[in-house]
Every structure is written in structure tokens, then in C-alpha cells.
Amino acid sequence: MFDALVKIAIQVLNNFDSFFSSIFFLYECNRHLDKNFFLWLKICISIFYFTAIFHIYIYIFRDV
């Protein structure tokens, strides 16, 4: 069980890394284009939470 939790934490941290780099990229693009940044931020956050929850379900139910 502890091994699975460690794997989940590592996967979530990897997602956080790509998540924040994509947010920084979108921020740089929108800063120059003057677009609606917060709409893209909401989209990125929802995609991140979906992938994090998806990976957690994979690690929980893969042994079942």
C-alpha cells in the first residue's frame, strides 16, 4: 500500500511539473497576445486534476 502511495505521489509531482510549465508557457503567450488568461488557466487546472485523478485510479485498481 505504501509503495502504491509513493508511486501516486511521484506521478502527481510529475504532472505538476508539466502542468506548471504549460501554465508558464500559456502565460507568456497570453501576455503578448492579450487574451483571456484565466480561461486558459481554468482549462489547464481542470486537465491537470483529471489526469491526476486518472493516474490515482490506475494505481488503486490495477491490482484488482
C-alpha atoms as a PDB file:
ATOM      1  CA  MET A   1       0.000   0.000   0.000  1.00  0.00           C
ATOM      2  CA  PHE A   2       2.791   2.425   0.896  1.00  0.00           C
ATOM      3  CA  ASP A   3       4.573   1.600  -2.353  1.00  0.00           C
ATOM      4  CA  ALA A   4       1.441   2.460  -4.315  1.00  0.00           C
ATOM      5  CA  LEU A   5       1.073   5.764  -2.455  1.00  0.00           C
ATOM      6  CA  VAL A   6       4.676   6.671  -3.235  1.00  0.00           C
ATOM      7  CA  LYS A   7       4.096   5.903  -6.920  1.00  0.00           C
ATOM      8  CA  ILE A   8       0.942   8.039  -6.895  1.00  0.00           C
ATOM      9  CA  ALA A   9       2.837  10.923  -5.279  1.00  0.00           C
ATOM     10  CA  ILE A  10       5.637  10.674  -7.851  1.00  0.00           C
ATOM     11  CA  GLN A  11       3.142  10.624 -10.712  1.00  0.00           C
ATOM     12  CA  VAL A  12       1.274  13.646  -9.332  1.00  0.00           C
ATOM     13  CA  LEU A  13       4.531  15.554  -8.906  1.00  0.00           C
ATOM     14  CA  ASN A  14       5.484  14.754 -12.498  1.00  0.00           C
ATOM     15  CA  ASN A  15       2.096  16.057 -13.595  1.00  0.00           C
ATOM     16  CA  PHE A  16       2.637  19.202 -11.509  1.00  0.00           C
ATOM     17  CA  ASP A  17       5.933  19.834 -13.277  1.00  0.00           C
ATOM     18  CA  SER A  18       4.424  19.620 -16.754  1.00  0.00           C
ATOM     19  CA  PHE A  19       1.318  21.463 -15.520  1.00  0.00           C
ATOM     20  CA  PHE A  20       3.229  24.497 -14.264  1.00  0.00           C
ATOM     21  CA  SER A  21       5.490  24.628 -17.304  1.00  0.00           C
ATOM     22  CA  SER A  22       2.417  24.633 -19.559  1.00  0.00           C
ATOM     23  CA  ILE A  23       0.835  27.371 -17.423  1.00  0.00           C
ATOM     24  CA  PHE A  24       4.020  29.434 -17.712  1.00  0.00           C
ATOM     25  CA  PHE A  25       4.011  28.917 -21.486  1.00  0.00           C
ATOM     26  CA  LEU A  26       0.365  29.984 -21.727  1.00  0.00           C
ATOM     27  CA  TYR A  27       1.063  32.989 -19.510  1.00  0.00           C
ATOM     28  CA  GLU A  28       3.907  34.123 -21.768  1.00  0.00           C
ATOM     29  CA  CYS A  29       1.757  33.666 -24.877  1.00  0.00           C
ATOM     30  CA  ASN A  30      -1.239  35.456 -23.418  1.00  0.00           C
ATOM     31  CA  ARG A  31       0.872  38.267 -22.018  1.00  0.00           C
ATOM     32  CA  HIS A  32       1.924  39.150 -25.546  1.00  0.00           C
ATOM     33  CA  LEU A  33      -1.375  38.357 -27.236  1.00  0.00           C
ATOM     34  CA  ASP A  34      -3.535  39.962 -24.501  1.00  0.00           C
ATOM     35  CA  LYS A  35      -6.006  37.081 -24.494  1.00  0.00           C
ATOM     36  CA  ASN A  36      -8.185  35.766 -21.693  1.00  0.00           C
ATOM     37  CA  PHE A  37      -5.520  34.160 -19.492  1.00  0.00           C
ATOM     38  CA  PHE A  38      -7.838  32.984 -16.735  1.00  0.00           C
ATOM     39  CA  LEU A  39      -9.930  30.942 -19.151  1.00  0.00           C
ATOM     40  CA  TRP A  40      -6.805  29.046 -20.210  1.00  0.00           C
ATOM     41  CA  LEU A  41      -5.793  28.736 -16.562  1.00  0.00           C
ATOM     42  CA  LYS A  42      -9.123  27.087 -15.700  1.00  0.00           C
ATOM     43  CA  ILE A  43      -8.744  24.727 -18.649  1.00  0.00           C
ATOM     44  CA  CYS A  44      -5.210  23.748 -17.573  1.00  0.00           C
ATOM     45  CA  ILE A  45      -6.243  23.206 -13.962  1.00  0.00           C
ATOM     46  CA  SER A  46      -9.176  21.011 -14.974  1.00  0.00           C
ATOM     47  CA  ILE A  47      -6.949  18.967 -17.311  1.00  0.00           C
ATOM     48  CA  PHE A  48      -4.360  18.567 -14.553  1.00  0.00           C
ATOM     49  CA  TYR A  49      -6.892  17.387 -11.984  1.00  0.00           C
ATOM     50  CA  PHE A  50      -8.417  14.964 -14.476  1.00  0.00           C
ATOM     51  CA  THR A  51      -5.034  13.402 -15.249  1.00  0.00           C
ATOM     52  CA  ALA A  52      -4.042  13.258 -11.566  1.00  0.00           C
ATOM     53  CA  ILE A  53      -7.299  11.538 -10.576  1.00  0.00           C
ATOM     54  CA  PHE A  54      -6.976   9.209 -13.579  1.00  0.00           C
ATOM     55  CA  HIS A  55      -3.480   8.126 -12.504  1.00  0.00           C
ATOM     56  CA  ILE A  56      -4.647   7.619  -8.922  1.00  0.00           C
ATOM     57  CA  TYR A  57      -7.443   5.320 -10.135  1.00  0.00           C
ATOM     58  CA  ILE A  58      -4.972   3.388 -12.289  1.00  0.00           C
ATOM     59  CA  TYR A  59      -2.676   2.773  -9.315  1.00  0.00           C
ATOM     60  CA  ILE A  60      -5.525   1.834  -6.993  1.00  0.00           C
ATOM     61  CA  PHE A  61      -7.383  -0.537  -9.313  1.00  0.00           C
ATOM     62  CA  ARG A  62      -4.549  -2.079 -11.339  1.00  0.00           C
ATOM     63  CA  ASP A  63      -4.075  -4.881  -8.788  1.00  0.00           C
ATOM     64  CA  VAL A  64      -7.777  -5.689  -8.533  1.00  0.00           C
END
